[in-house]
Structure formats: structure tokens, C-alpha cells
N, C-alpha and C. Protein backbone atom coordinates (compact mmCIF):
# COMPACT_ATOMS: atom_id res chain seq x y z
N UNK A 1 -3.08 11.56 26.07
CA UNK A 1 -1.83 11.07 24.88
C UNK A 1 -2.31 11.43 23.37
N UNK A 2 -1.23 11.92 22.71
CA UNK A 2 -1.37 12.55 21.48
C UNK A 2 -0.96 11.40 20.35
N UNK A 3 -1.82 11.20 19.58
CA UNK A 3 -1.66 10.15 18.64
C UNK A 3 -0.76 10.67 17.77
N UNK A 4 0.19 9.82 16.96
CA UNK A 4 1.05 10.00 15.85
C UNK A 4 0.46 10.48 14.49
N UNK A 5 1.04 10.98 13.76
CA UNK A 5 0.80 11.60 12.76
C UNK A 5 0.38 10.62 12.13
N UNK A 6 -1.05 11.06 11.20
CA UNK A 6 -1.44 9.68 10.60
C UNK A 6 -0.39 9.42 9.16
N UNK A 7 -0.58 8.28 8.73
CA UNK A 7 0.15 7.98 7.76
C UNK A 7 -0.43 7.98 6.38
N UNK A 8 0.27 8.40 5.33
CA UNK A 8 -0.69 8.91 3.81
C UNK A 8 -0.81 7.45 3.33
N UNK A 9 -1.95 7.32 2.65
CA UNK A 9 -2.06 5.95 1.97
C UNK A 9 -2.48 6.24 0.63
N UNK A 10 -1.61 5.75 -0.31
CA UNK A 10 -2.34 5.57 -1.52
C UNK A 10 -2.86 3.88 -1.96
N UNK A 11 -4.17 4.09 -2.43
CA UNK A 11 -4.24 2.70 -3.08
C UNK A 11 -3.92 2.81 -4.22
N UNK A 12 -3.40 1.73 -5.05
CA UNK A 12 -2.82 1.57 -6.53
C UNK A 12 -3.57 0.59 -6.93
N UNK A 13 -4.19 0.91 -8.38
CA UNK A 13 -4.76 0.07 -9.17
C UNK A 13 -4.00 0.02 -10.85
N UNK A 14 -4.30 -1.04 -11.44
CA UNK A 14 -4.02 -1.00 -12.45
C UNK A 14 -3.89 -2.18 -13.36
N UNK A 15 -4.02 -2.64 -14.70
CA UNK A 15 -4.00 -3.56 -15.38
C UNK A 15 -3.44 -5.10 -15.13
N UNK A 16 -2.23 -5.00 -14.66
CA UNK A 16 -1.22 -5.98 -14.41
C UNK A 16 -0.47 -5.53 -13.07
N UNK A 17 0.09 -6.82 -12.16
CA UNK A 17 1.01 -6.70 -11.07
C UNK A 17 2.27 -5.81 -11.67
N UNK A 18 2.66 -6.16 -12.69
CA UNK A 18 3.81 -5.54 -13.19
C UNK A 18 3.95 -4.18 -13.35
N UNK A 19 2.71 -3.39 -14.23
CA UNK A 19 2.55 -2.38 -14.26
C UNK A 19 2.10 -1.42 -12.79
N UNK A 20 1.21 -2.18 -12.05
CA UNK A 20 1.19 -1.51 -10.75
C UNK A 20 2.42 -1.43 -9.71
N UNK A 21 3.19 -2.51 -9.73
CA UNK A 21 4.24 -2.32 -9.14
C UNK A 21 5.35 -1.50 -9.41
N UNK A 22 5.45 -1.12 -10.74
CA UNK A 22 6.08 -0.26 -11.88
C UNK A 22 5.71 1.17 -11.37
N UNK A 23 4.47 1.37 -11.24
CA UNK A 23 3.88 2.82 -10.90
C UNK A 23 4.56 2.77 -9.44
N UNK A 24 4.36 2.44 -8.59
CA UNK A 24 4.79 2.47 -7.24
C UNK A 24 6.21 2.65 -6.85
N UNK A 25 7.12 2.22 -7.57
CA UNK A 25 8.32 2.15 -7.86
C UNK A 25 8.70 3.66 -8.47
N UNK A 26 8.06 4.07 -9.19
CA UNK A 26 8.40 5.47 -9.83
C UNK A 26 7.87 6.22 -8.92
N UNK A 27 7.00 6.21 -8.08
CA UNK A 27 6.44 7.15 -7.13
C UNK A 27 7.37 7.39 -5.91
N UNK A 28 7.81 6.16 -5.57
CA UNK A 28 9.13 6.25 -4.32
C UNK A 28 10.38 6.92 -4.93
N UNK A 29 10.74 6.65 -6.25
CA UNK A 29 11.49 7.53 -6.88
C UNK A 29 11.50 8.90 -6.73
N UNK A 30 10.37 9.38 -7.58
CA UNK A 30 9.82 10.89 -7.35
C UNK A 30 9.83 11.80 -6.09
N UNK A 31 9.51 10.95 -4.89
CA UNK A 31 9.27 11.47 -3.78
C UNK A 31 10.47 11.22 -2.97
N UNK A 32 11.47 10.67 -3.58
CA UNK A 32 12.80 10.85 -2.95
C UNK A 32 12.76 9.70 -1.89
N UNK A 33 11.54 8.91 -1.33
CA UNK A 33 11.59 8.15 -0.42
C UNK A 33 12.53 6.64 -0.76
N UNK A 34 12.78 6.85 -2.11
CA UNK A 34 13.92 5.27 -2.80
C UNK A 34 15.17 5.31 -2.13
N UNK A 35 15.58 6.77 -1.82
CA UNK A 35 17.13 7.22 -1.47
C UNK A 35 17.13 7.79 0.15
N UNK A 36 15.92 7.95 -0.04
CA UNK A 36 16.05 8.71 1.49
C UNK A 36 15.93 7.79 2.88
N UNK A 37 16.04 8.28 3.97
CA UNK A 37 15.89 7.41 5.19
C UNK A 37 14.56 7.29 5.45
N UNK A 38 13.99 8.14 5.15
CA UNK A 38 12.13 7.94 5.44
C UNK A 38 11.60 6.55 5.38
N UNK A 39 10.87 5.98 6.06
CA UNK A 39 10.40 5.13 6.07
C UNK A 39 9.13 5.02 5.22
N UNK A 40 9.18 4.26 4.39
CA UNK A 40 7.36 3.95 3.27
C UNK A 40 7.28 2.54 3.36
N UNK A 41 6.15 2.31 2.80
CA UNK A 41 5.84 0.85 2.95
C UNK A 41 4.63 0.77 1.80
N UNK A 42 4.74 -0.90 1.21
CA UNK A 42 4.01 -1.42 0.35
C UNK A 42 3.42 -2.76 0.45
N UNK A 43 1.98 -2.55 0.39
CA UNK A 43 1.33 -3.92 0.77
C UNK A 43 0.62 -4.30 -0.78
N UNK A 44 1.40 -5.36 -0.94
CA UNK A 44 0.76 -5.69 -2.78
C UNK A 44 0.09 -7.14 -2.40
N UNK A 45 -1.10 -6.98 -3.02
CA UNK A 45 -1.99 -7.87 -3.06
C UNK A 45 -1.77 -8.97 -4.67
N UNK A 46 -1.43 -10.18 -4.27
CA UNK A 46 -1.41 -10.95 -5.57
C UNK A 46 0.12 -11.72 -5.63
N UNK A 47 0.41 -12.26 -6.40
CA UNK A 47 1.56 -12.87 -6.97
C UNK A 47 2.67 -11.93 -7.58
N UNK A 48 3.88 -12.04 -7.33
CA UNK A 48 5.31 -11.45 -7.63
C UNK A 48 4.73 -11.51 -9.03
N UNK A 49 5.28 -10.78 -10.19
CA UNK A 49 5.47 -10.73 -11.35
C UNK A 49 6.63 -11.04 -11.97
N UNK A 50 7.28 -11.66 -11.44
CA UNK A 50 8.61 -12.10 -11.91
C UNK A 50 9.81 -11.23 -11.48
N UNK A 51 10.06 -10.55 -12.28
CA UNK A 51 11.27 -9.48 -11.66
C UNK A 51 10.55 -8.29 -11.25
N UNK A 52 10.33 -8.01 -10.46
CA UNK A 52 9.80 -6.90 -9.67
C UNK A 52 10.91 -5.62 -9.34
N UNK A 53 10.29 -4.36 -9.89
CA UNK A 53 11.58 -3.26 -9.17
C UNK A 53 11.53 -3.41 -8.13
N UNK A 54 10.43 -3.46 -7.37
CA UNK A 54 10.15 -3.57 -5.77
C UNK A 54 11.06 -4.39 -5.28
N UNK A 55 11.59 -5.23 -5.69
CA UNK A 55 12.87 -5.97 -5.14
C UNK A 55 14.06 -5.47 -5.14
N UNK A 56 14.51 -4.00 -5.98
CA UNK A 56 15.57 -3.40 -5.32
C UNK A 56 15.60 -2.66 -4.67
N UNK A 57 14.43 -2.08 -3.98
CA UNK A 57 14.17 -1.10 -3.00
C UNK A 57 14.89 -1.13 -1.47
N UNK A 58 15.60 -0.09 -1.16
CA UNK A 58 16.42 -0.54 0.18
C UNK A 58 15.53 -1.07 1.53
N UNK A 59 16.26 -1.42 2.49
CA UNK A 59 15.40 -2.12 3.53
C UNK A 59 14.75 -1.15 4.40
N UNK A 60 14.67 0.29 4.22
CA UNK A 60 13.77 0.99 4.78
C UNK A 60 12.40 0.93 4.29
N UNK A 61 12.51 0.76 3.26
CA UNK A 61 11.11 0.32 2.52
C UNK A 61 10.43 -0.86 2.92
N UNK A 62 9.40 -0.82 3.65
CA UNK A 62 8.63 -2.00 3.93
C UNK A 62 7.89 -2.63 3.11
N UNK A 63 7.95 -4.32 2.98
CA UNK A 63 7.00 -4.75 2.06
C UNK A 63 6.56 -5.64 2.42
N UNK A 64 5.18 -6.09 1.98
CA UNK A 64 4.60 -7.32 2.43
C UNK A 64 3.83 -7.61 1.41
N UNK A 65 3.57 -8.74 0.89
CA UNK A 65 2.80 -9.40 0.13
C UNK A 65 1.79 -10.36 0.74
N UNK A 66 0.49 -10.09 0.03
CA UNK A 66 -0.26 -10.78 0.71
C UNK A 66 -1.49 -11.71 -0.52
N UNK A 67 -2.04 -12.76 -0.20
CA UNK A 67 -2.61 -13.71 -1.29
C UNK A 67 -3.76 -12.72 -1.93
N UNK A 68 -4.34 -13.09 -3.35
CA UNK A 68 -5.02 -12.20 -3.92
C UNK A 68 -6.28 -12.76 -3.15
N UNK A 69 -7.22 -11.76 -3.32
CA UNK A 69 -8.66 -12.12 -2.98
C UNK A 69 -9.32 -10.66 -2.80
N UNK A 70 -10.45 -10.44 -2.48
CA UNK A 70 -11.16 -9.26 -2.31
C UNK A 70 -10.49 -8.77 -0.96
N UNK A 71 -10.14 -7.64 -0.95
CA UNK A 71 -9.25 -7.10 0.32
C UNK A 71 -10.18 -6.47 1.04
N UNK A 72 -11.53 -6.36 0.58
CA UNK A 72 -12.77 -5.58 1.62
C UNK A 72 -13.78 -6.81 1.97
N UNK A 73 -13.47 -7.95 1.39
CA UNK A 73 -14.54 -9.49 1.75
C UNK A 73 -13.89 -10.41 1.86
N UNK A 74 -13.19 -11.32 1.31
CA UNK A 74 -12.43 -12.58 1.60
C UNK A 74 -10.97 -12.22 2.43
N UNK A 75 -10.43 -11.24 1.96
CA UNK A 75 -9.15 -10.69 2.25
C UNK A 75 -8.96 -9.66 3.42
N UNK A 76 -10.10 -9.46 4.13
CA UNK A 76 -10.30 -8.54 5.01
C UNK A 76 -9.39 -8.65 6.21
N UNK A 77 -9.37 -9.78 7.04
CA UNK A 77 -8.36 -10.17 7.81
C UNK A 77 -7.14 -10.23 7.86
N UNK A 78 -6.80 -10.70 6.28
CA UNK A 78 -5.06 -10.87 5.85
C UNK A 78 -5.02 -9.12 6.08
N UNK A 79 -5.85 -8.13 5.61
CA UNK A 79 -4.95 -7.02 4.95
C UNK A 79 -5.02 -6.38 6.55
N UNK A 80 -5.89 -6.65 7.23
CA UNK A 80 -5.98 -5.84 8.81
C UNK A 80 -4.55 -6.05 9.27
N UNK A 81 -4.36 -7.65 9.29
CA UNK A 81 -3.29 -7.85 10.42
C UNK A 81 -1.80 -7.34 9.58
N UNK A 82 -1.76 -7.46 8.37
CA UNK A 82 -0.81 -6.95 7.44
C UNK A 82 -0.39 -5.37 7.98
N UNK A 83 -1.77 -4.85 7.69
CA UNK A 83 -1.73 -3.38 7.90
C UNK A 83 -1.37 -2.91 9.31
N UNK A 84 -2.04 -3.58 10.18
CA UNK A 84 -1.70 -3.51 11.83
C UNK A 84 -0.06 -3.55 11.90
N UNK A 85 0.30 -4.67 11.44
CA UNK A 85 1.58 -4.73 11.58
C UNK A 85 2.71 -3.65 11.11
N UNK A 86 2.32 -3.20 9.76
CA UNK A 86 3.12 -2.01 9.20
C UNK A 86 2.95 -0.96 9.63
N UNK A 87 1.76 -0.46 10.36
CA UNK A 87 1.47 0.68 11.00
C UNK A 87 2.36 0.86 12.22
N UNK A 88 2.70 -0.29 12.99
CA UNK A 88 3.43 -0.23 13.93
C UNK A 88 5.17 -0.02 13.79
N UNK A 89 5.28 -0.12 12.77
CA UNK A 89 6.66 0.34 12.26
C UNK A 89 6.77 1.83 11.67
N UNK A 90 5.71 2.73 11.75
CA UNK A 90 5.44 4.06 11.51
C UNK A 90 5.96 4.21 9.95
N UNK A 91 5.38 3.73 9.15
CA UNK A 91 5.90 4.47 7.71
C UNK A 91 5.01 5.57 7.56
N UNK A 92 5.95 6.65 6.81
CA UNK A 92 5.47 8.11 6.51
C UNK A 92 4.24 7.76 5.22
N UNK A 93 4.43 7.04 4.34
CA UNK A 93 3.54 6.62 3.58
C UNK A 93 3.54 5.25 3.07
N UNK A 94 2.26 4.79 2.81
CA UNK A 94 2.01 3.46 2.48
C UNK A 94 1.36 3.30 1.41
N UNK A 95 1.78 2.56 0.21
CA UNK A 95 1.00 2.14 -0.99
C UNK A 95 0.11 0.74 -0.54
N UNK A 96 -1.02 0.84 -0.86
CA UNK A 96 -1.70 -0.38 -0.81
C UNK A 96 -1.95 -0.73 -2.37
N UNK A 97 -1.38 -1.98 -2.89
CA UNK A 97 -1.58 -2.31 -4.13
C UNK A 97 -2.49 -3.27 -4.38
N UNK A 98 -3.52 -3.15 -5.10
CA UNK A 98 -4.79 -4.12 -5.11
C UNK A 98 -4.67 -4.57 -6.70
N UNK A 99 -4.99 -5.82 -6.51
CA UNK A 99 -5.20 -6.85 -7.95
C UNK A 99 -6.34 -6.34 -8.87
N UNK A 100 -7.58 -6.29 -7.73
CA UNK A 100 -8.78 -6.03 -8.68
C UNK A 100 -9.40 -4.80 -7.94
N UNK A 101 -9.89 -4.04 -8.51
CA UNK A 101 -10.71 -2.57 -8.37
C UNK A 101 -11.84 -2.70 -8.28
N UNK A 102 -13.10 -3.93 -8.08
CA UNK A 102 -14.26 -3.99 -8.33
C UNK A 102 -14.57 -3.37 -6.74
N UNK A 103 -14.38 -3.52 -5.94
CA UNK A 103 -14.77 -3.00 -4.60
C UNK A 103 -13.97 -1.95 -3.91
N UNK A 104 -13.22 -1.49 -4.68
CA UNK A 104 -12.46 -0.09 -4.05
C UNK A 104 -13.00 1.10 -3.28
N UNK A 105 -14.30 1.31 -3.74
CA UNK A 105 -15.06 2.25 -2.86
C UNK A 105 -15.18 1.34 -1.43
N UNK A 106 -15.42 0.24 -1.51
CA UNK A 106 -15.69 -0.38 0.26
C UNK A 106 -14.39 -0.37 0.88
N UNK A 107 -13.20 -0.77 0.10
CA UNK A 107 -11.90 -0.66 0.76
C UNK A 107 -11.62 0.78 1.29
N UNK A 108 -11.93 1.51 0.51
CA UNK A 108 -11.56 3.23 0.99
C UNK A 108 -12.57 3.39 2.14
N UNK A 109 -13.59 2.81 2.34
CA UNK A 109 -14.31 3.18 2.82
C UNK A 109 -14.28 2.44 4.47
N UNK A 110 -13.50 1.41 4.45
CA UNK A 110 -13.11 0.28 5.40
C UNK A 110 -12.15 1.15 6.14
N UNK A 111 -10.91 1.75 5.04
CA UNK A 111 -9.70 2.52 5.77
C UNK A 111 -9.95 3.66 6.30
N UNK A 112 -11.12 4.56 5.97
CA UNK A 112 -11.67 5.38 6.48
C UNK A 112 -12.50 5.44 7.81
N UNK A 113 -12.82 4.06 8.36
CA UNK A 113 -13.72 3.54 9.29
C UNK A 113 -12.62 3.77 10.57
N UNK A 114 -13.42 3.41 11.99
CA UNK A 114 -12.55 3.59 12.88
C UNK A 114 -12.01 1.96 12.90
N UNK A 115 -10.61 1.91 13.48
CA UNK A 115 -9.85 2.69 14.12
C UNK A 115 -8.88 3.70 13.21
N UNK A 116 -9.14 3.14 11.50
CA UNK A 116 -8.28 3.77 10.76
C UNK A 116 -8.52 5.21 10.48
N UNK A 117 -9.42 5.48 10.95
CA UNK A 117 -9.64 7.05 10.50
C UNK A 117 -8.99 7.78 11.41
N UNK A 118 -8.36 7.75 12.46
CA UNK A 118 -7.19 8.46 12.98
C UNK A 118 -6.03 8.06 12.96
N UNK A 119 -5.71 6.98 11.94
CA UNK A 119 -4.26 6.46 11.97
C UNK A 119 -3.81 6.96 10.52
N UNK A 120 -4.99 7.35 9.51
CA UNK A 120 -4.39 6.89 7.99
C UNK A 120 -5.13 8.35 7.32
N UNK A 121 -4.17 8.80 6.34
CA UNK A 121 -5.00 10.16 5.62
C UNK A 121 -4.84 9.40 4.23
N UNK A 122 -5.95 9.24 3.54
CA UNK A 122 -5.83 8.60 2.41
C UNK A 122 -5.65 9.74 0.96
N UNK A 123 -5.05 9.32 0.39
CA UNK A 123 -4.64 10.31 -1.17
C UNK A 123 -5.38 9.86 -2.02
N UNK A 124 -5.47 10.59 -3.42
CA UNK A 124 -6.36 9.90 -4.53
C UNK A 124 -5.70 8.75 -4.88
N UNK A 125 -6.38 7.96 -5.67
CA UNK A 125 -5.70 6.56 -5.91
C UNK A 125 -5.00 6.66 -7.40
N UNK A 126 -3.92 5.89 -6.88
CA UNK A 126 -2.99 5.77 -8.31
C UNK A 126 -3.52 4.98 -9.22
N UNK A 127 -3.87 5.17 -10.27
CA UNK A 127 -4.17 4.53 -11.46
C UNK A 127 -2.85 3.88 -12.03
N UNK A 128 -2.44 3.02 -12.28
CA UNK A 128 -1.19 2.49 -13.29
C UNK A 128 -1.50 2.55 -14.57
N UNK A 129 -1.04 2.76 -15.42
CA UNK A 129 -1.38 2.31 -16.98
C UNK A 129 0.00 1.81 -17.34
N UNK A 130 -0.12 1.06 -18.36
CA UNK A 130 0.92 0.46 -19.11
C UNK A 130 1.61 1.41 -20.30
């Protein structure tokens, strides 16, 4: 049995939720995923910043918001469940927006370990700035 093509994953960091979400929005517009029928997804850690540009995205952009917490420690199970649900919908590109980047290396290692090593292709991180 042939595995599906790996999903491109970009970890997004930045000083605030608004800045991070604006950076993802800009990337979606640049890559034409905002107007295209290609599926993309965003997993957001933390509370919404109020008026998020991601609220205006079309339905083919999958979105999930998870409670804030270290995604490689206390939030690991929640992230794993959310990621698995999103992967079942086979997005071409997935952004994982993290609220804090202290354990980014551990999160990256976790995403590169089994079973995700066959399912994901990590890109360089997107470091959003204001």
C-alpha cells in the first residue's frame, strides 16, 4: 500500500496571536491557497485575538483552535488528536501556530518521529514579527 504524499507543515511563532495569525493569512494569500480549491489547514494554539483575519478564510481552509499550553508537554495529547483529525482531511499544507516557542525543538522532533515522519514534511519555521 502506498502512503499519501506527505503534508507540508510549517510551525509559526511570533510575539502575539494577532501577529502570528496575520502571518499565516499572508502566507495563504501568497501561495494562492486562500483563493484556490486546494485544502490547507491551520492549528492555532491559544485564544483568538479578537478580529482574526483567519475568520475570513473560505471553507476549504481547515481550522482548529486548541487551548494554550506547551504542545510538546501538557498539550501533546490534544495536539495529537487535533493533528490526526486534520490529517484525515488530507490538507496539502498545514500551519501549526504555537503561542510559546520555548520547546519548539522538542515539538519539531515529535513531529519528525513515528508515525508522523511518514506523513509530514516540515518546512523552516515562520517567525512572524509585528
